[in-house]
Amino acid sequence: MITIYTDGSSRGNPGPGGYGVVLKYKKHRKELSAGFRMTTNNRMELLAVIVGLEALKEEQLPVTIYSDSKYVVDAVDKGWLWGWVKKNFKDKKNEDLWKRFIPAYKKQKVKFRWVKGHAGIPENERCDQLAVAAAEGGRLLEDKGFKDQK
């Protein structure tokens, strides 16, 4: 069982943003993060999940993703995403990221668990720290998808 904790942050919405990911497998642990000059919180929440899934080297692994993003968790668990796909994402934001998410999601056996943000869950708090530090750090990347959807 692989466990992935994720969080996204935006200092202003839109504004500088970042994501944080903690991957855990048995005794192994890996942290990932990056920051962007201009983005949104929802984009960073979704990108964190994508990056976590894309970091896995094998396929069809049982993966539990912990996220405090209702946007991401509900889109998948309540089936909204598949309706958006059928309508070719008409009038939906973040199409580029959802289209990147789908193949990464389908490669694994994913279960989402929504967790309340800032509720003292150590790994979720760590993801928040990583995301905020990335958003406030130097060498911020360009979120081309955000720029393109404007």
N, C-alpha and C. Protein backbone atom coordinates (compact mmCIF):
# COMPACT_ATOMS: atom_id res chain seq x y z
N MET A 1 0.84 -1.18 0.00
CA MET A 1 0.00 0.00 0.00
C MET A 1 0.88 1.24 0.00
N ILE A 2 0.61 2.12 -0.94
CA ILE A 2 1.31 3.39 -1.02
C ILE A 2 0.36 4.47 -0.53
N THR A 3 0.89 5.37 0.26
CA THR A 3 0.11 6.48 0.78
C THR A 3 0.70 7.77 0.25
N ILE A 4 -0.18 8.62 -0.29
CA ILE A 4 0.24 9.91 -0.81
C ILE A 4 -0.58 10.99 -0.11
N TYR A 5 0.12 11.94 0.48
CA TYR A 5 -0.52 13.12 1.06
C TYR A 5 -0.23 14.29 0.13
N THR A 6 -1.22 15.14 -0.08
CA THR A 6 -1.04 16.25 -1.02
C THR A 6 -1.66 17.53 -0.46
N ASP A 7 -1.10 18.65 -0.91
CA ASP A 7 -1.71 19.94 -0.60
C ASP A 7 -1.24 20.95 -1.63
N GLY A 8 -2.09 21.93 -1.88
CA GLY A 8 -1.77 23.03 -2.76
C GLY A 8 -1.97 24.34 -2.04
N SER A 9 -1.28 25.36 -2.50
CA SER A 9 -1.37 26.67 -1.87
C SER A 9 -1.30 27.74 -2.93
N SER A 10 -2.01 28.82 -2.70
CA SER A 10 -1.93 29.98 -3.57
C SER A 10 -1.96 31.22 -2.69
N ARG A 11 -0.97 32.06 -2.84
CA ARG A 11 -0.86 33.29 -2.04
C ARG A 11 -1.59 34.39 -2.79
N GLY A 12 -2.90 34.37 -2.66
CA GLY A 12 -3.77 35.14 -3.52
C GLY A 12 -4.38 34.11 -4.46
N ASN A 13 -5.54 34.36 -4.97
CA ASN A 13 -6.17 33.34 -5.81
C ASN A 13 -6.86 34.03 -6.99
N PRO A 14 -6.14 34.30 -8.08
CA PRO A 14 -4.82 33.78 -8.41
C PRO A 14 -3.68 34.57 -7.75
N GLY A 15 -2.53 33.94 -7.77
CA GLY A 15 -1.31 34.52 -7.23
C GLY A 15 -0.21 33.49 -7.28
N PRO A 16 0.93 33.78 -6.65
CA PRO A 16 1.99 32.78 -6.58
C PRO A 16 1.46 31.55 -5.83
N GLY A 17 1.83 30.38 -6.31
CA GLY A 17 1.32 29.16 -5.68
C GLY A 17 2.34 28.05 -5.68
N GLY A 18 2.00 26.98 -4.97
CA GLY A 18 2.88 25.83 -4.92
C GLY A 18 2.12 24.60 -4.48
N TYR A 19 2.77 23.47 -4.62
CA TYR A 19 2.19 22.22 -4.15
C TYR A 19 3.21 21.49 -3.29
N GLY A 20 2.70 20.62 -2.44
CA GLY A 20 3.53 19.76 -1.62
C GLY A 20 2.98 18.35 -1.63
N VAL A 21 3.87 17.38 -1.69
CA VAL A 21 3.49 15.97 -1.75
C VAL A 21 4.39 15.17 -0.81
N VAL A 22 3.81 14.27 -0.05
CA VAL A 22 4.57 13.30 0.74
C VAL A 22 4.11 11.92 0.30
N LEU A 23 5.06 11.12 -0.20
CA LEU A 23 4.79 9.74 -0.59
C LEU A 23 5.39 8.82 0.46
N LYS A 24 4.61 7.80 0.87
CA LYS A 24 5.09 6.84 1.86
C LYS A 24 4.83 5.42 1.39
N TYR A 25 5.86 4.60 1.52
CA TYR A 25 5.74 3.17 1.22
C TYR A 25 6.65 2.44 2.20
N LYS A 26 6.05 1.65 3.07
CA LYS A 26 6.77 0.95 4.14
C LYS A 26 7.66 1.96 4.87
N LYS A 27 8.98 1.77 4.85
CA LYS A 27 9.88 2.68 5.56
C LYS A 27 10.38 3.81 4.67
N HIS A 28 9.95 3.82 3.42
CA HIS A 28 10.42 4.83 2.48
C HIS A 28 9.51 6.06 2.51
N ARG A 29 10.12 7.20 2.30
CA ARG A 29 9.39 8.47 2.31
C ARG A 29 10.05 9.40 1.30
N LYS A 30 9.21 10.13 0.54
CA LYS A 30 9.73 11.08 -0.44
C LYS A 30 8.86 12.32 -0.40
N GLU A 31 9.50 13.49 -0.45
CA GLU A 31 8.79 14.76 -0.47
C GLU A 31 9.04 15.45 -1.80
N LEU A 32 7.97 16.02 -2.39
CA LEU A 32 8.07 16.73 -3.65
C LEU A 32 7.35 18.07 -3.52
N SER A 33 7.88 19.08 -4.19
CA SER A 33 7.21 20.38 -4.20
C SER A 33 7.75 21.24 -5.34
N ALA A 34 6.96 22.23 -5.73
CA ALA A 34 7.38 23.21 -6.73
C ALA A 34 6.47 24.42 -6.58
N GLY A 35 6.99 25.57 -7.02
CA GLY A 35 6.23 26.81 -6.94
C GLY A 35 6.05 27.45 -8.30
N PHE A 36 4.99 28.24 -8.43
CA PHE A 36 4.63 28.87 -9.71
C PHE A 36 4.34 30.34 -9.49
N ARG A 37 4.70 31.16 -10.49
CA ARG A 37 4.54 32.62 -10.38
C ARG A 37 3.08 33.05 -10.27
N MET A 38 2.20 32.45 -11.07
CA MET A 38 0.79 32.85 -11.10
C MET A 38 -0.05 31.61 -11.36
N THR A 39 -0.95 31.31 -10.42
CA THR A 39 -1.78 30.11 -10.51
C THR A 39 -2.96 30.26 -9.56
N THR A 40 -3.69 29.17 -9.36
CA THR A 40 -4.79 29.17 -8.40
C THR A 40 -4.63 28.02 -7.41
N ASN A 41 -5.36 28.11 -6.32
CA ASN A 41 -5.32 27.06 -5.31
C ASN A 41 -5.79 25.73 -5.88
N ASN A 42 -6.90 25.73 -6.62
CA ASN A 42 -7.41 24.47 -7.17
C ASN A 42 -6.40 23.82 -8.11
N ARG A 43 -5.71 24.62 -8.91
CA ARG A 43 -4.70 24.05 -9.82
C ARG A 43 -3.58 23.38 -9.01
N MET A 44 -3.18 24.01 -7.93
CA MET A 44 -2.08 23.44 -7.13
C MET A 44 -2.53 22.20 -6.37
N GLU A 45 -3.78 22.18 -5.90
CA GLU A 45 -4.31 20.98 -5.23
C GLU A 45 -4.31 19.80 -6.22
N LEU A 46 -4.77 20.04 -7.42
CA LEU A 46 -4.83 18.99 -8.44
C LEU A 46 -3.44 18.59 -8.91
N LEU A 47 -2.57 19.56 -9.11
CA LEU A 47 -1.21 19.25 -9.56
C LEU A 47 -0.46 18.42 -8.53
N ALA A 48 -0.70 18.66 -7.26
CA ALA A 48 -0.06 17.86 -6.21
C ALA A 48 -0.43 16.38 -6.36
N VAL A 49 -1.70 16.11 -6.60
CA VAL A 49 -2.16 14.73 -6.78
C VAL A 49 -1.51 14.12 -8.02
N ILE A 50 -1.49 14.87 -9.10
CA ILE A 50 -0.89 14.38 -10.35
C ILE A 50 0.58 14.03 -10.15
N VAL A 51 1.32 14.95 -9.56
CA VAL A 51 2.76 14.74 -9.36
C VAL A 51 3.00 13.52 -8.46
N GLY A 52 2.18 13.36 -7.44
CA GLY A 52 2.31 12.19 -6.58
C GLY A 52 2.09 10.89 -7.35
N LEU A 53 1.05 10.85 -8.16
CA LEU A 53 0.77 9.65 -8.96
C LEU A 53 1.85 9.41 -10.01
N GLU A 54 2.30 10.46 -10.65
CA GLU A 54 3.33 10.32 -11.70
C GLU A 54 4.68 9.89 -11.14
N ALA A 55 4.89 10.08 -9.84
CA ALA A 55 6.15 9.68 -9.22
C ALA A 55 6.26 8.16 -9.03
N LEU A 56 5.13 7.47 -9.14
CA LEU A 56 5.14 6.01 -8.94
C LEU A 56 5.71 5.33 -10.17
N LYS A 57 6.64 4.41 -9.93
CA LYS A 57 7.34 3.76 -11.04
C LYS A 57 6.63 2.51 -11.56
N GLU A 58 5.81 1.90 -10.73
CA GLU A 58 5.08 0.70 -11.14
C GLU A 58 3.61 1.04 -11.32
N GLU A 59 2.89 0.16 -12.01
CA GLU A 59 1.47 0.38 -12.27
C GLU A 59 0.61 -0.60 -11.48
N GLN A 60 -0.67 -0.26 -11.37
CA GLN A 60 -1.68 -1.07 -10.68
C GLN A 60 -1.36 -1.31 -9.21
N LEU A 61 -0.80 -0.29 -8.58
CA LEU A 61 -0.50 -0.35 -7.16
C LEU A 61 -1.70 0.17 -6.36
N PRO A 62 -1.95 -0.40 -5.19
CA PRO A 62 -2.98 0.17 -4.33
C PRO A 62 -2.46 1.47 -3.71
N VAL A 63 -3.14 2.57 -3.99
CA VAL A 63 -2.70 3.90 -3.56
C VAL A 63 -3.85 4.58 -2.83
N THR A 64 -3.55 5.12 -1.66
CA THR A 64 -4.50 5.95 -0.95
C THR A 64 -3.96 7.37 -0.96
N ILE A 65 -4.78 8.30 -1.44
CA ILE A 65 -4.39 9.71 -1.50
C ILE A 65 -5.20 10.48 -0.48
N TYR A 66 -4.49 11.19 0.39
CA TYR A 66 -5.12 12.05 1.38
C TYR A 66 -5.01 13.48 0.89
N SER A 67 -6.14 14.15 0.77
CA SER A 67 -6.19 15.52 0.28
C SER A 67 -7.23 16.31 1.06
N ASP A 68 -6.96 17.58 1.27
CA ASP A 68 -7.96 18.44 1.91
C ASP A 68 -8.76 19.22 0.87
N SER A 69 -8.62 18.83 -0.40
CA SER A 69 -9.31 19.51 -1.48
C SER A 69 -10.61 18.81 -1.85
N LYS A 70 -11.73 19.43 -1.48
CA LYS A 70 -13.03 18.89 -1.91
C LYS A 70 -13.14 18.94 -3.43
N TYR A 71 -12.55 19.96 -4.04
CA TYR A 71 -12.56 20.10 -5.50
C TYR A 71 -12.04 18.82 -6.16
N VAL A 72 -10.90 18.33 -5.72
CA VAL A 72 -10.28 17.15 -6.33
C VAL A 72 -11.00 15.88 -5.90
N VAL A 73 -11.18 15.70 -4.61
CA VAL A 73 -11.76 14.46 -4.09
C VAL A 73 -13.18 14.26 -4.61
N ASP A 74 -14.00 15.29 -4.53
CA ASP A 74 -15.39 15.15 -4.99
C ASP A 74 -15.48 14.98 -6.50
N ALA A 75 -14.61 15.64 -7.25
CA ALA A 75 -14.64 15.50 -8.71
C ALA A 75 -14.47 14.04 -9.12
N VAL A 76 -13.63 13.31 -8.39
CA VAL A 76 -13.40 11.90 -8.71
C VAL A 76 -14.44 11.01 -8.03
N ASP A 77 -14.56 11.14 -6.72
CA ASP A 77 -15.44 10.24 -5.96
C ASP A 77 -16.92 10.39 -6.32
N LYS A 78 -17.35 11.57 -6.66
CA LYS A 78 -18.75 11.79 -7.01
C LYS A 78 -19.00 11.68 -8.51
N GLY A 79 -17.94 11.37 -9.26
CA GLY A 79 -18.09 11.12 -10.69
C GLY A 79 -18.21 12.34 -11.58
N TRP A 80 -18.03 13.53 -11.01
CA TRP A 80 -18.16 14.75 -11.82
C TRP A 80 -17.18 14.75 -12.98
N LEU A 81 -15.95 14.29 -12.71
CA LEU A 81 -14.90 14.30 -13.73
C LEU A 81 -15.33 13.58 -14.99
N TRP A 82 -15.98 12.44 -14.83
CA TRP A 82 -16.35 11.64 -16.00
C TRP A 82 -17.46 12.32 -16.80
N GLY A 83 -18.30 13.09 -16.14
CA GLY A 83 -19.29 13.91 -16.84
C GLY A 83 -18.61 15.03 -17.60
N TRP A 84 -17.59 15.62 -17.01
CA TRP A 84 -16.84 16.68 -17.68
C TRP A 84 -16.15 16.15 -18.93
N VAL A 85 -15.63 14.92 -18.82
CA VAL A 85 -14.97 14.29 -19.98
C VAL A 85 -15.97 14.12 -21.11
N LYS A 86 -17.16 13.60 -20.78
CA LYS A 86 -18.20 13.38 -21.80
C LYS A 86 -18.58 14.67 -22.50
N LYS A 87 -18.54 15.79 -21.77
CA LYS A 87 -18.89 17.09 -22.34
C LYS A 87 -17.66 17.84 -22.85
N ASN A 88 -16.52 17.11 -22.95
CA ASN A 88 -15.26 17.68 -23.43
C ASN A 88 -14.85 18.91 -22.61
N PHE A 89 -15.10 18.87 -21.32
CA PHE A 89 -14.72 19.91 -20.37
C PHE A 89 -15.33 21.28 -20.70
N LYS A 90 -16.47 21.28 -21.36
CA LYS A 90 -17.12 22.54 -21.73
C LYS A 90 -17.36 23.40 -20.48
N ASP A 91 -16.84 24.61 -20.53
CA ASP A 91 -16.98 25.59 -19.45
C ASP A 91 -16.33 25.16 -18.13
N LYS A 92 -15.39 24.25 -18.18
CA LYS A 92 -14.69 23.81 -16.97
C LYS A 92 -13.25 24.32 -16.99
N LYS A 93 -12.80 24.74 -15.83
CA LYS A 93 -11.42 25.19 -15.70
C LYS A 93 -10.51 24.00 -15.47
N ASN A 94 -9.24 24.21 -15.72
CA ASN A 94 -8.17 23.24 -15.43
C ASN A 94 -8.24 21.99 -16.29
N GLU A 95 -8.79 22.14 -17.48
CA GLU A 95 -8.88 21.01 -18.41
C GLU A 95 -7.53 20.36 -18.65
N ASP A 96 -6.49 21.18 -18.80
CA ASP A 96 -5.14 20.64 -19.05
C ASP A 96 -4.70 19.70 -17.93
N LEU A 97 -4.96 20.09 -16.69
CA LEU A 97 -4.53 19.25 -15.56
C LEU A 97 -5.41 18.02 -15.40
N TRP A 98 -6.71 18.17 -15.62
CA TRP A 98 -7.58 16.99 -15.53
C TRP A 98 -7.19 15.96 -16.60
N LYS A 99 -6.86 16.43 -17.79
CA LYS A 99 -6.45 15.51 -18.86
C LYS A 99 -5.11 14.84 -18.53
N ARG A 100 -4.28 15.50 -17.77
CA ARG A 100 -3.02 14.90 -17.31
C ARG A 100 -3.28 13.94 -16.15
N PHE A 101 -4.26 14.26 -15.31
CA PHE A 101 -4.60 13.43 -14.16
C PHE A 101 -5.14 12.06 -14.59
N ILE A 102 -6.03 12.03 -15.56
CA ILE A 102 -6.75 10.80 -15.91
C ILE A 102 -5.82 9.62 -16.20
N PRO A 103 -4.82 9.73 -17.08
CA PRO A 103 -3.97 8.55 -17.31
C PRO A 103 -3.16 8.14 -16.08
N ALA A 104 -2.72 9.11 -15.28
CA ALA A 104 -1.98 8.78 -14.06
C ALA A 104 -2.88 8.04 -13.08
N TYR A 105 -4.13 8.48 -12.98
CA TYR A 105 -5.11 7.85 -12.10
C TYR A 105 -5.43 6.43 -12.56
N LYS A 106 -5.61 6.26 -13.86
CA LYS A 106 -5.99 4.95 -14.39
C LYS A 106 -4.87 3.92 -14.30
N LYS A 107 -3.64 4.35 -14.13
CA LYS A 107 -2.51 3.42 -14.00
C LYS A 107 -2.44 2.76 -12.62
N GLN A 108 -3.18 3.30 -11.66
CA GLN A 108 -3.10 2.80 -10.29
C GLN A 108 -4.48 2.40 -9.79
N LYS A 109 -4.53 1.81 -8.60
CA LYS A 109 -5.78 1.49 -7.92
C LYS A 109 -5.94 2.52 -6.80
N VAL A 110 -6.56 3.64 -7.14
CA VAL A 110 -6.57 4.81 -6.27
C VAL A 110 -7.85 4.91 -5.43
N LYS A 111 -7.64 5.21 -4.16
CA LYS A 111 -8.73 5.57 -3.26
C LYS A 111 -8.39 6.94 -2.70
N PHE A 112 -9.38 7.82 -2.70
CA PHE A 112 -9.19 9.14 -2.11
C PHE A 112 -9.75 9.16 -0.70
N ARG A 113 -9.08 9.90 0.17
CA ARG A 113 -9.57 10.15 1.52
C ARG A 113 -9.47 11.66 1.73
N TRP A 114 -10.63 12.28 1.95
CA TRP A 114 -10.62 13.70 2.25
C TRP A 114 -10.27 13.88 3.71
N VAL A 115 -9.38 14.83 3.98
CA VAL A 115 -9.02 15.19 5.35
C VAL A 115 -9.22 16.69 5.54
N LYS A 116 -9.59 17.06 6.72
CA LYS A 116 -9.76 18.48 7.01
C LYS A 116 -8.38 19.14 7.05
N GLY A 117 -8.24 20.26 6.36
CA GLY A 117 -6.97 20.99 6.36
C GLY A 117 -6.68 21.61 7.71
N HIS A 118 -5.42 21.70 8.05
CA HIS A 118 -4.96 22.35 9.28
C HIS A 118 -5.62 21.74 10.51
N ALA A 119 -5.76 20.41 10.48
CA ALA A 119 -6.40 19.70 11.59
C ALA A 119 -5.38 18.89 12.40
N GLY A 120 -4.10 19.18 12.21
CA GLY A 120 -3.08 18.52 13.01
C GLY A 120 -2.63 17.16 12.48
N ILE A 121 -3.02 16.80 11.26
CA ILE A 121 -2.55 15.55 10.66
C ILE A 121 -1.12 15.81 10.18
N PRO A 122 -0.12 15.17 10.80
CA PRO A 122 1.28 15.53 10.53
C PRO A 122 1.68 15.57 9.05
N GLU A 123 1.32 14.57 8.29
CA GLU A 123 1.74 14.55 6.89
C GLU A 123 1.01 15.61 6.06
N ASN A 124 -0.25 15.87 6.38
CA ASN A 124 -0.98 16.93 5.70
C ASN A 124 -0.39 18.30 6.05
N GLU A 125 -0.01 18.48 7.29
CA GLU A 125 0.63 19.73 7.71
C GLU A 125 1.97 19.90 6.99
N ARG A 126 2.70 18.80 6.83
CA ARG A 126 3.99 18.88 6.13
C ARG A 126 3.78 19.27 4.67
N CYS A 127 2.76 18.72 4.04
CA CYS A 127 2.45 19.09 2.65
C CYS A 127 2.13 20.58 2.56
N ASP A 128 1.39 21.08 3.52
CA ASP A 128 1.07 22.51 3.54
C ASP A 128 2.35 23.33 3.66
N GLN A 129 3.24 22.93 4.54
CA GLN A 129 4.52 23.64 4.68
C GLN A 129 5.30 23.64 3.37
N LEU A 130 5.35 22.49 2.72
CA LEU A 130 6.06 22.38 1.44
C LEU A 130 5.43 23.28 0.38
N ALA A 131 4.10 23.28 0.31
CA ALA A 131 3.39 24.07 -0.69
C ALA A 131 3.59 25.57 -0.47
N VAL A 132 3.47 26.01 0.78
CA VAL A 132 3.64 27.43 1.09
C VAL A 132 5.08 27.86 0.82
N ALA A 133 6.04 27.05 1.25
CA ALA A 133 7.46 27.38 1.01
C ALA A 133 7.75 27.46 -0.48
N ALA A 134 7.17 26.57 -1.25
CA ALA A 134 7.38 26.59 -2.71
C ALA A 134 6.78 27.85 -3.32
N ALA A 135 5.58 28.23 -2.85
CA ALA A 135 4.91 29.42 -3.38
C ALA A 135 5.67 30.70 -3.04
N GLU A 136 6.34 30.69 -1.90
CA GLU A 136 7.05 31.88 -1.44
C GLU A 136 8.53 31.86 -1.80
N GLY A 137 8.96 30.78 -2.44
CA GLY A 137 10.38 30.64 -2.75
C GLY A 137 10.79 31.37 -4.01
N GLY A 138 12.06 31.27 -4.31
CA GLY A 138 12.60 31.84 -5.54
C GLY A 138 12.46 30.85 -6.68
N ARG A 139 12.83 31.28 -7.86
CA ARG A 139 12.80 30.42 -9.04
C ARG A 139 11.42 29.82 -9.30
N LEU A 140 10.41 30.63 -9.23
CA LEU A 140 9.05 30.15 -9.48
C LEU A 140 8.88 29.84 -10.96
N LEU A 141 8.18 28.76 -11.23
CA LEU A 141 7.93 28.32 -12.60
C LEU A 141 6.71 29.02 -13.19
N GLU A 142 6.55 28.89 -14.49
CA GLU A 142 5.36 29.42 -15.15
C GLU A 142 4.32 28.31 -15.25
N ASP A 143 3.12 28.59 -14.79
CA ASP A 143 2.01 27.64 -14.94
C ASP A 143 1.36 27.94 -16.29
N LYS A 144 1.87 27.29 -17.31
CA LYS A 144 1.42 27.56 -18.68
C LYS A 144 -0.08 27.31 -18.84
N GLY A 145 -0.60 26.28 -18.19
CA GLY A 145 -2.03 25.98 -18.27
C GLY A 145 -2.89 27.09 -17.71
N PHE A 146 -2.44 27.71 -16.63
CA PHE A 146 -3.19 28.83 -16.06
C PHE A 146 -3.17 30.00 -17.03
N LYS A 147 -1.99 30.26 -17.59
CA LYS A 147 -1.83 31.36 -18.53
C LYS A 147 -2.71 31.14 -19.77
N ASP A 148 -2.77 29.90 -20.24
CA ASP A 148 -3.54 29.58 -21.45
C ASP A 148 -5.04 29.66 -21.24
N GLN A 149 -5.53 29.43 -20.02
CA GLN A 149 -6.98 29.41 -19.81
C GLN A 149 -7.55 30.80 -19.54
N LYS A 150 -6.69 31.79 -19.43
CA LYS A 150 -7.17 33.17 -19.17
C LYS A 150 -7.83 33.75 -20.39
